[in-house]
Amino acid sequence: AEVPIINAGDGGHNHPTQTLTDLLTIVEEKGKLD
């Protein structure tokens, strides 16, 4: 590709933007990630 590619889910492997969603939810609701 000549433009940025975002993996929106590949089989049973990875789903990085869901992970970003999870992390944002945690930090907004719990105030931390540690």
PDB file of all heavy atoms in Angstrom:
ATOM      1  N   ALA A   1       0.821  -1.212   0.000  1.00  0.00           N
ATOM      2  CA  ALA A   1       0.000   0.000   0.000  1.00  0.00           C
ATOM      3  C   ALA A   1       0.854   1.261   0.000  1.00  0.00           C
ATOM      4  O   ALA A   1       1.953   1.283   0.565  1.00  0.00           O
ATOM      5  CB  ALA A   1      -0.915   0.004   1.217  1.00  0.00           C
ATOM      6  N   GLU A   2       0.331   2.296  -0.621  1.00  0.00           N
ATOM      7  CA  GLU A   2       0.986   3.604  -0.621  1.00  0.00           C
ATOM      8  C   GLU A   2       0.286   4.580   0.316  1.00  0.00           C
ATOM      9  O   GLU A   2       0.610   5.774   0.327  1.00  0.00           O
ATOM     10  CB  GLU A   2       1.045   4.150  -2.044  1.00  0.00           C
ATOM     11  CG  GLU A   2       1.913   3.289  -2.967  1.00  0.00           C
ATOM     12  CD  GLU A   2       2.095   3.889  -4.349  1.00  0.00           C
ATOM     13  OE1 GLU A   2       1.597   5.005  -4.583  1.00  0.00           O
ATOM     14  OE2 GLU A   2       2.732   3.230  -5.197  1.00  0.00           O
ATOM     15  N   VAL A   3      -0.672   4.072   1.086  1.00  0.00           N
ATOM     16  CA  VAL A   3      -1.336   4.860   2.122  1.00  0.00           C
ATOM     17  C   VAL A   3      -1.346   4.027   3.404  1.00  0.00           C
ATOM     18  O   VAL A   3      -1.150   2.807   3.358  1.00  0.00           O
ATOM     19  CB  VAL A   3      -2.792   5.233   1.715  1.00  0.00           C
ATOM     20  CG1 VAL A   3      -2.792   6.073   0.444  1.00  0.00           C
ATOM     21  CG2 VAL A   3      -3.649   3.982   1.539  1.00  0.00           C
ATOM     22  N   PRO A   4      -1.562   4.647   4.573  1.00  0.00           N
ATOM     23  CA  PRO A   4      -1.571   3.881   5.825  1.00  0.00           C
ATOM     24  C   PRO A   4      -2.667   2.814   5.847  1.00  0.00           C
ATOM     25  O   PRO A   4      -3.790   3.055   5.406  1.00  0.00           O
ATOM     26  CB  PRO A   4      -1.832   4.948   6.890  1.00  0.00           C
ATOM     27  CG  PRO A   4      -1.365   6.225   6.270  1.00  0.00           C
ATOM     28  CD  PRO A   4      -1.680   6.098   4.812  1.00  0.00           C
ATOM     29  N   ILE A   5      -2.306   1.639   6.360  1.00  0.00           N
ATOM     30  CA  ILE A   5      -3.243   0.526   6.533  1.00  0.00           C
ATOM     31  C   ILE A   5      -3.511   0.350   8.023  1.00  0.00           C
ATOM     32  O   ILE A   5      -2.581   0.296   8.837  1.00  0.00           O
ATOM     33  CB  ILE A   5      -2.676  -0.795   5.974  1.00  0.00           C
ATOM     34  CG1 ILE A   5      -2.409  -0.690   4.465  1.00  0.00           C
ATOM     35  CG2 ILE A   5      -3.629  -1.960   6.279  1.00  0.00           C
ATOM     36  CD1 ILE A   5      -3.641  -0.624   3.612  1.00  0.00           C
ATOM     37  N   ILE A   6      -4.787   0.238   8.377  1.00  0.00           N
ATOM     38  CA  ILE A   6      -5.193  -0.075   9.747  1.00  0.00           C
ATOM     39  C   ILE A   6      -5.805  -1.468   9.746  1.00  0.00           C
ATOM     40  O   ILE A   6      -6.744  -1.737   8.986  1.00  0.00           O
ATOM     41  CB  ILE A   6      -6.217   0.937  10.293  1.00  0.00           C
ATOM     42  CG1 ILE A   6      -5.654   2.361  10.260  1.00  0.00           C
ATOM     43  CG2 ILE A   6      -6.633   0.557  11.712  1.00  0.00           C
ATOM     44  CD1 ILE A   6      -6.686   3.420  10.603  1.00  0.00           C
ATOM     45  N   ASN A   7      -5.285  -2.339  10.579  1.00  0.00           N
ATOM     46  CA  ASN A   7      -5.852  -3.676  10.736  1.00  0.00           C
ATOM     47  C   ASN A   7      -7.123  -3.573  11.573  1.00  0.00           C
ATOM     48  O   ASN A   7      -7.070  -3.268  12.759  1.00  0.00           O
ATOM     49  CB  ASN A   7      -4.827  -4.591  11.421  1.00  0.00           C
ATOM     50  CG  ASN A   7      -5.350  -5.997  11.649  1.00  0.00           C
ATOM     51  OD1 ASN A   7      -6.444  -6.344  11.216  1.00  0.00           O
ATOM     52  ND2 ASN A   7      -4.558  -6.809  12.336  1.00  0.00           N
ATOM     53  N   ALA A   8      -8.262  -3.845  10.954  1.00  0.00           N
ATOM     54  CA  ALA A   8      -9.545  -3.811  11.660  1.00  0.00           C
ATOM     55  C   ALA A   8      -9.977  -5.208  12.090  1.00  0.00           C
ATOM     56  O   ALA A   8     -11.160  -5.449  12.347  1.00  0.00           O
ATOM     57  CB  ALA A   8     -10.607  -3.173  10.765  1.00  0.00           C
ATOM     58  N   GLY A   9      -8.997  -6.120  12.170  1.00  0.00           N
ATOM     59  CA  GLY A   9      -9.261  -7.489  12.600  1.00  0.00           C
ATOM     60  C   GLY A   9      -8.838  -8.479  11.538  1.00  0.00           C
ATOM     61  O   GLY A   9      -9.318  -8.393  10.403  1.00  0.00           O
ATOM     62  N   ASP A  10      -7.932  -9.402  11.885  1.00  0.00           N
ATOM     63  CA  ASP A  10      -7.518 -10.435  10.919  1.00  0.00           C
ATOM     64  C   ASP A  10      -7.619 -11.811  11.576  1.00  0.00           C
ATOM     65  O   ASP A  10      -6.787 -12.216  12.364  1.00  0.00           O
ATOM     66  CB  ASP A  10      -6.115 -10.168  10.371  1.00  0.00           C
ATOM     67  CG  ASP A  10      -5.013 -10.142  11.426  1.00  0.00           C
ATOM     68  OD1 ASP A  10      -5.313  -9.804  12.594  1.00  0.00           O
ATOM     69  OD2 ASP A  10      -3.857 -10.454  11.089  1.00  0.00           O
ATOM     70  N   GLY A  11      -8.677 -12.518  11.209  1.00  0.00           N
ATOM     71  CA  GLY A  11      -8.894 -13.858  11.744  1.00  0.00           C
ATOM     72  C   GLY A  11      -8.897 -13.863  13.255  1.00  0.00           C
ATOM     73  O   GLY A  11      -9.518 -13.012  13.901  1.00  0.00           O
ATOM     74  N   GLY A  12      -8.201 -14.815  13.854  1.00  0.00           N
ATOM     75  CA  GLY A  12      -8.096 -14.890  15.315  1.00  0.00           C
ATOM     76  C   GLY A  12      -6.825 -14.255  15.831  1.00  0.00           C
ATOM     77  O   GLY A  12      -6.411 -14.540  16.953  1.00  0.00           O
ATOM     78  N   HIS A  13      -6.228 -13.378  15.033  1.00  0.00           N
ATOM     79  CA  HIS A  13      -4.888 -12.877  15.332  1.00  0.00           C
ATOM     80  C   HIS A  13      -4.909 -11.601  16.160  1.00  0.00           C
ATOM     81  O   HIS A  13      -4.695 -11.631  17.357  1.00  0.00           O
ATOM     82  CB  HIS A  13      -4.140 -12.662  14.002  1.00  0.00           C
ATOM     83  CG  HIS A  13      -2.675 -12.449  14.153  1.00  0.00           C
ATOM     84  ND1 HIS A  13      -1.961 -11.603  13.345  1.00  0.00           N
ATOM     85  CD2 HIS A  13      -1.781 -12.972  15.032  1.00  0.00           C
ATOM     86  CE1 HIS A  13      -0.679 -11.627  13.696  1.00  0.00           C
ATOM     87  NE2 HIS A  13      -0.542 -12.453  14.723  1.00  0.00           N
ATOM     88  N   ASN A  14      -5.196 -10.457  15.512  1.00  0.00           N
ATOM     89  CA  ASN A  14      -5.124  -9.167  16.194  1.00  0.00           C
ATOM     90  C   ASN A  14      -6.321  -8.285  15.855  1.00  0.00           C
ATOM     91  O   ASN A  14      -6.929  -8.426  14.788  1.00  0.00           O
ATOM     92  CB  ASN A  14      -3.842  -8.407  15.786  1.00  0.00           C
ATOM     93  CG  ASN A  14      -2.639  -8.827  16.583  1.00  0.00           C
ATOM     94  OD1 ASN A  14      -2.676  -8.860  17.808  1.00  0.00           O
ATOM     95  ND2 ASN A  14      -1.557  -9.164  15.899  1.00  0.00           N
ATOM     96  N   HIS A  15      -6.607  -7.361  16.769  1.00  0.00           N
ATOM     97  CA  HIS A  15      -7.649  -6.359  16.540  1.00  0.00           C
ATOM     98  C   HIS A  15      -7.205  -5.092  17.270  1.00  0.00           C
ATOM     99  O   HIS A  15      -7.759  -4.716  18.302  1.00  0.00           O
ATOM    100  CB  HIS A  15      -8.987  -6.867  17.079  1.00  0.00           C
ATOM    101  CG  HIS A  15     -10.177  -6.119  16.573  1.00  0.00           C
ATOM    102  ND1 HIS A  15     -10.089  -4.912  15.906  1.00  0.00           N
ATOM    103  CD2 HIS A  15     -11.510  -6.402  16.650  1.00  0.00           C
ATOM    104  CE1 HIS A  15     -11.301  -4.492  15.596  1.00  0.00           C
ATOM    105  NE2 HIS A  15     -12.180  -5.380  16.025  1.00  0.00           N
ATOM    106  N   PRO A  16      -6.174  -4.410  16.734  1.00  0.00           N
ATOM    107  CA  PRO A  16      -5.553  -3.327  17.504  1.00  0.00           C
ATOM    108  C   PRO A  16      -6.453  -2.141  17.806  1.00  0.00           C
ATOM    109  O   PRO A  16      -6.287  -1.504  18.852  1.00  0.00           O
ATOM    110  CB  PRO A  16      -4.361  -2.917  16.633  1.00  0.00           C
ATOM    111  CG  PRO A  16      -4.674  -3.418  15.265  1.00  0.00           C
ATOM    112  CD  PRO A  16      -5.468  -4.666  15.461  1.00  0.00           C
ATOM    113  N   THR A  17      -7.412  -1.808  16.932  1.00  0.00           N
ATOM    114  CA  THR A  17      -8.251  -0.647  17.251  1.00  0.00           C
ATOM    115  C   THR A  17      -9.292  -0.974  18.313  1.00  0.00           C
ATOM    116  O   THR A  17      -9.743  -0.080  19.025  1.00  0.00           O
ATOM    117  CB  THR A  17      -8.939  -0.067  15.998  1.00  0.00           C
ATOM    118  OG1 THR A  17      -9.823  -1.036  15.416  1.00  0.00           O
ATOM    119  CG2 THR A  17      -7.913   0.361  14.972  1.00  0.00           C
ATOM    120  N   GLN A  18      -9.667  -2.252  18.441  1.00  0.00           N
ATOM    121  CA  GLN A  18     -10.501  -2.626  19.575  1.00  0.00           C
ATOM    122  C   GLN A  18      -9.699  -2.479  20.860  1.00  0.00           C
ATOM    123  O   GLN A  18     -10.221  -2.043  21.885  1.00  0.00           O
ATOM    124  CB  GLN A  18     -11.013  -4.057  19.436  1.00  0.00           C
ATOM    125  CG  GLN A  18     -11.881  -4.534  20.606  1.00  0.00           C
ATOM    126  CD  GLN A  18     -13.153  -3.731  20.748  1.00  0.00           C
ATOM    127  OE1 GLN A  18     -13.893  -3.567  19.778  1.00  0.00           O
ATOM    128  NE2 GLN A  18     -13.428  -3.228  21.947  1.00  0.00           N
ATOM    129  N   THR A  19      -8.419  -2.800  20.786  1.00  0.00           N
ATOM    130  CA  THR A  19      -7.557  -2.637  21.951  1.00  0.00           C
ATOM    131  C   THR A  19      -7.437  -1.169  22.346  1.00  0.00           C
ATOM    132  O   THR A  19      -7.491  -0.830  23.541  1.00  0.00           O
ATOM    133  CB  THR A  19      -6.158  -3.218  21.659  1.00  0.00           C
ATOM    134  OG1 THR A  19      -6.302  -4.600  21.341  1.00  0.00           O
ATOM    135  CG2 THR A  19      -5.245  -3.067  22.853  1.00  0.00           C
ATOM    136  N   LEU A  20      -7.282  -0.279  21.370  1.00  0.00           N
ATOM    137  CA  LEU A  20      -7.256   1.147  21.676  1.00  0.00           C
ATOM    138  C   LEU A  20      -8.566   1.570  22.339  1.00  0.00           C
ATOM    139  O   LEU A  20      -8.574   2.367  23.278  1.00  0.00           O
ATOM    140  CB  LEU A  20      -7.023   1.958  20.403  1.00  0.00           C
ATOM    141  CG  LEU A  20      -5.648   1.844  19.756  1.00  0.00           C
ATOM    142  CD1 LEU A  20      -5.614   2.626  18.438  1.00  0.00           C
ATOM    143  CD2 LEU A  20      -4.555   2.345  20.682  1.00  0.00           C
ATOM    144  N   THR A  21      -9.675   1.027  21.838  1.00  0.00           N
ATOM    145  CA  THR A  21     -10.982   1.295  22.446  1.00  0.00           C
ATOM    146  C   THR A  21     -11.010   0.835  23.897  1.00  0.00           C
ATOM    147  O   THR A  21     -11.471   1.563  24.789  1.00  0.00           O
ATOM    148  CB  THR A  21     -12.083   0.572  21.657  1.00  0.00           C
ATOM    149  OG1 THR A  21     -12.120   1.072  20.317  1.00  0.00           O
ATOM    150  CG2 THR A  21     -13.449   0.749  22.300  1.00  0.00           C
ATOM    151  N   ASP A  22     -10.519  -0.370  24.133  1.00  0.00           N
ATOM    152  CA  ASP A  22     -10.496  -0.918  25.491  1.00  0.00           C
ATOM    153  C   ASP A  22      -9.648  -0.053  26.422  1.00  0.00           C
ATOM    154  O   ASP A  22     -10.049   0.255  27.550  1.00  0.00           O
ATOM    155  CB  ASP A  22      -9.949  -2.351  25.478  1.00  0.00           C
ATOM    156  CG  ASP A  22     -10.750  -3.291  24.592  1.00  0.00           C
ATOM    157  OD1 ASP A  22     -11.935  -3.009  24.347  1.00  0.00           O
ATOM    158  OD2 ASP A  22     -10.180  -4.303  24.146  1.00  0.00           O
ATOM    159  N   LEU A  23      -8.469   0.344  25.939  1.00  0.00           N
ATOM    160  CA  LEU A  23      -7.571   1.141  26.768  1.00  0.00           C
ATOM    161  C   LEU A  23      -8.164   2.508  27.077  1.00  0.00           C
ATOM    162  O   LEU A  23      -8.058   3.002  28.209  1.00  0.00           O
ATOM    163  CB  LEU A  23      -6.220   1.304  26.074  1.00  0.00           C
ATOM    164  CG  LEU A  23      -5.394   0.034  25.866  1.00  0.00           C
ATOM    165  CD1 LEU A  23      -4.099   0.373  25.138  1.00  0.00           C
ATOM    166  CD2 LEU A  23      -5.097  -0.660  27.180  1.00  0.00           C
ATOM    167  N   LEU A  24      -8.791   3.128  26.087  1.00  0.00           N
ATOM    168  CA  LEU A  24      -9.413   4.435  26.336  1.00  0.00           C
ATOM    169  C   LEU A  24     -10.541   4.299  27.357  1.00  0.00           C
ATOM    170  O   LEU A  24     -10.678   5.136  28.258  1.00  0.00           O
ATOM    171  CB  LEU A  24      -9.946   5.036  25.034  1.00  0.00           C
ATOM    172  CG  LEU A  24     -10.607   6.417  25.175  1.00  0.00           C
ATOM    173  CD1 LEU A  24      -9.624   7.461  25.691  1.00  0.00           C
ATOM    174  CD2 LEU A  24     -11.226   6.862  23.848  1.00  0.00           C
ATOM    175  N   THR A  25     -11.337   3.243  27.235  1.00  0.00           N
ATOM    176  CA  THR A  25     -12.420   3.016  28.195  1.00  0.00           C
ATOM    177  C   THR A  25     -11.861   2.860  29.601  1.00  0.00           C
ATOM    178  O   THR A  25     -12.366   3.453  30.562  1.00  0.00           O
ATOM    179  CB  THR A  25     -13.236   1.766  27.816  1.00  0.00           C
ATOM    180  OG1 THR A  25     -13.687   1.876  26.464  1.00  0.00           O
ATOM    181  CG2 THR A  25     -14.442   1.608  28.728  1.00  0.00           C
ATOM    182  N   ILE A  26     -10.800   2.075  29.728  1.00  0.00           N
ATOM    183  CA  ILE A  26     -10.214   1.830  31.046  1.00  0.00           C
ATOM    184  C   ILE A  26      -9.661   3.116  31.647  1.00  0.00           C
ATOM    185  O   ILE A  26      -9.943   3.450  32.804  1.00  0.00           O
ATOM    186  CB  ILE A  26      -9.108   0.757  30.954  1.00  0.00           C
ATOM    187  CG1 ILE A  26      -9.709  -0.602  30.585  1.00  0.00           C
ATOM    188  CG2 ILE A  26      -8.363   0.647  32.293  1.00  0.00           C
ATOM    189  CD1 ILE A  26      -8.672  -1.650  30.198  1.00  0.00           C
ATOM    190  N   VAL A  27      -8.890   3.860  30.855  1.00  0.00           N
ATOM    191  CA  VAL A  27      -8.253   5.057  31.418  1.00  0.00           C
ATOM    192  C   VAL A  27      -9.275   6.146  31.715  1.00  0.00           C
ATOM    193  O   VAL A  27      -9.142   6.885  32.710  1.00  0.00           O
ATOM    194  CB  VAL A  27      -7.126   5.566  30.484  1.00  0.00           C
ATOM    195  CG1 VAL A  27      -7.669   6.284  29.269  1.00  0.00           C
ATOM    196  CG2 VAL A  27      -6.159   6.455  31.245  1.00  0.00           C
ATOM    197  N   GLU A  28     -10.336   6.243  30.909  1.00  0.00           N
ATOM    198  CA  GLU A  28     -11.367   7.248  31.165  1.00  0.00           C
ATOM    199  C   GLU A  28     -12.219   6.879  32.376  1.00  0.00           C
ATOM    200  O   GLU A  28     -12.658   7.754  33.128  1.00  0.00           O
ATOM    201  CB  GLU A  28     -12.254   7.410  29.931  1.00  0.00           C
ATOM    202  CG  GLU A  28     -11.593   8.119  28.764  1.00  0.00           C
ATOM    203  CD  GLU A  28     -11.373   9.602  29.012  1.00  0.00           C
ATOM    204  OE1 GLU A  28     -12.291  10.259  29.541  1.00  0.00           O
ATOM    205  OE2 GLU A  28     -10.274  10.109  28.695  1.00  0.00           O
ATOM    206  N   GLU A  29     -12.466   5.598  32.566  1.00  0.00           N
ATOM    207  CA  GLU A  29     -13.355   5.159  33.646  1.00  0.00           C
ATOM    208  C   GLU A  29     -12.620   4.832  34.950  1.00  0.00           C
ATOM    209  O   GLU A  29     -13.178   5.006  36.032  1.00  0.00           O
ATOM    210  CB  GLU A  29     -14.157   3.937  33.186  1.00  0.00           C
ATOM    211  CG  GLU A  29     -15.068   4.201  31.990  1.00  0.00           C
ATOM    212  CD  GLU A  29     -16.181   5.190  32.306  1.00  0.00           C
ATOM    213  OE1 GLU A  29     -16.638   5.221  33.470  1.00  0.00           O
ATOM    214  OE2 GLU A  29     -16.593   5.935  31.394  1.00  0.00           O
ATOM    215  N   LYS A  30     -11.384   4.344  34.847  1.00  0.00           N
ATOM    216  CA  LYS A  30     -10.623   3.978  36.049  1.00  0.00           C
ATOM    217  C   LYS A  30      -9.544   4.999  36.382  1.00  0.00           C
ATOM    218  O   LYS A  30      -8.996   4.989  37.482  1.00  0.00           O
ATOM    219  CB  LYS A  30      -9.968   2.599  35.877  1.00  0.00           C
ATOM    220  CG  LYS A  30     -10.950   1.466  35.611  1.00  0.00           C
ATOM    221  CD  LYS A  30     -11.800   1.120  36.821  1.00  0.00           C
ATOM    222  CE  LYS A  30     -11.025   0.327  37.835  1.00  0.00           C
ATOM    223  NZ  LYS A  30     -11.904  -0.128  38.959  1.00  0.00           N
ATOM    224  N   GLY A  31      -9.212   5.860  35.408  1.00  0.00           N
ATOM    225  CA  GLY A  31      -8.232   6.900  35.664  1.00  0.00           C
ATOM    226  C   GLY A  31      -6.786   6.463  35.569  1.00  0.00           C
ATOM    227  O   GLY A  31      -5.873   7.241  35.852  1.00  0.00           O
ATOM    228  N   LYS A  32      -6.553   5.220  35.161  1.00  0.00           N
ATOM    229  CA  LYS A  32      -5.183   4.706  35.090  1.00  0.00           C
ATOM    230  C   LYS A  32      -5.164   3.431  34.258  1.00  0.00           C
ATOM    231  O   LYS A  32      -6.215   2.860  33.923  1.00  0.00           O
ATOM    232  CB  LYS A  32      -4.663   4.399  36.492  1.00  0.00           C
ATOM    233  CG  LYS A  32      -5.480   3.322  37.227  1.00  0.00           C
ATOM    234  CD  LYS A  32      -4.913   3.013  38.613  1.00  0.00           C
ATOM    235  CE  LYS A  32      -5.714   1.897  39.285  1.00  0.00           C
ATOM    236  NZ  LYS A  32      -5.132   1.532  40.601  1.00  0.00           N
ATOM    237  N   LEU A  33      -3.943   2.986  33.927  1.00  0.00           N
ATOM    238  CA  LEU A  33      -3.756   1.723  33.222  1.00  0.00           C
ATOM    239  C   LEU A  33      -2.780   0.809  33.972  1.00  0.00           C
ATOM    240  O   LEU A  33      -2.497  -0.298  33.525  1.00  0.00           O
ATOM    241  CB  LEU A  33      -3.246   1.967  31.800  1.00  0.00           C
ATOM    242  CG  LEU A  33      -4.271   2.581  30.831  1.00  0.00           C
ATOM    243  CD1 LEU A  33      -3.585   3.089  29.575  1.00  0.00           C
ATOM    244  CD2 LEU A  33      -5.353   1.578  30.479  1.00  0.00           C
ATOM    245  N   ASP A  34      -2.276   1.274  35.104  1.00  0.00           N
ATOM    246  CA  ASP A  34      -1.348   0.492  35.920  1.00  0.00           C
ATOM    247  C   ASP A  34      -2.076  -0.121  37.122  1.00  0.00           C
ATOM    248  O   ASP A  34      -3.200   0.263  37.440  1.00  0.00           O
ATOM    249  CB  ASP A  34      -0.219   1.382  36.461  1.00  0.00           C
ATOM    250  CG  ASP A  34       0.604   2.013  35.355  1.00  0.00           C
ATOM    251  OD1 ASP A  34       0.967   1.300  34.418  1.00  0.00           O
ATOM    252  OD2 ASP A  34       0.876   3.229  35.457  1.00  0.00           O
TER     253      ASP A  34
END
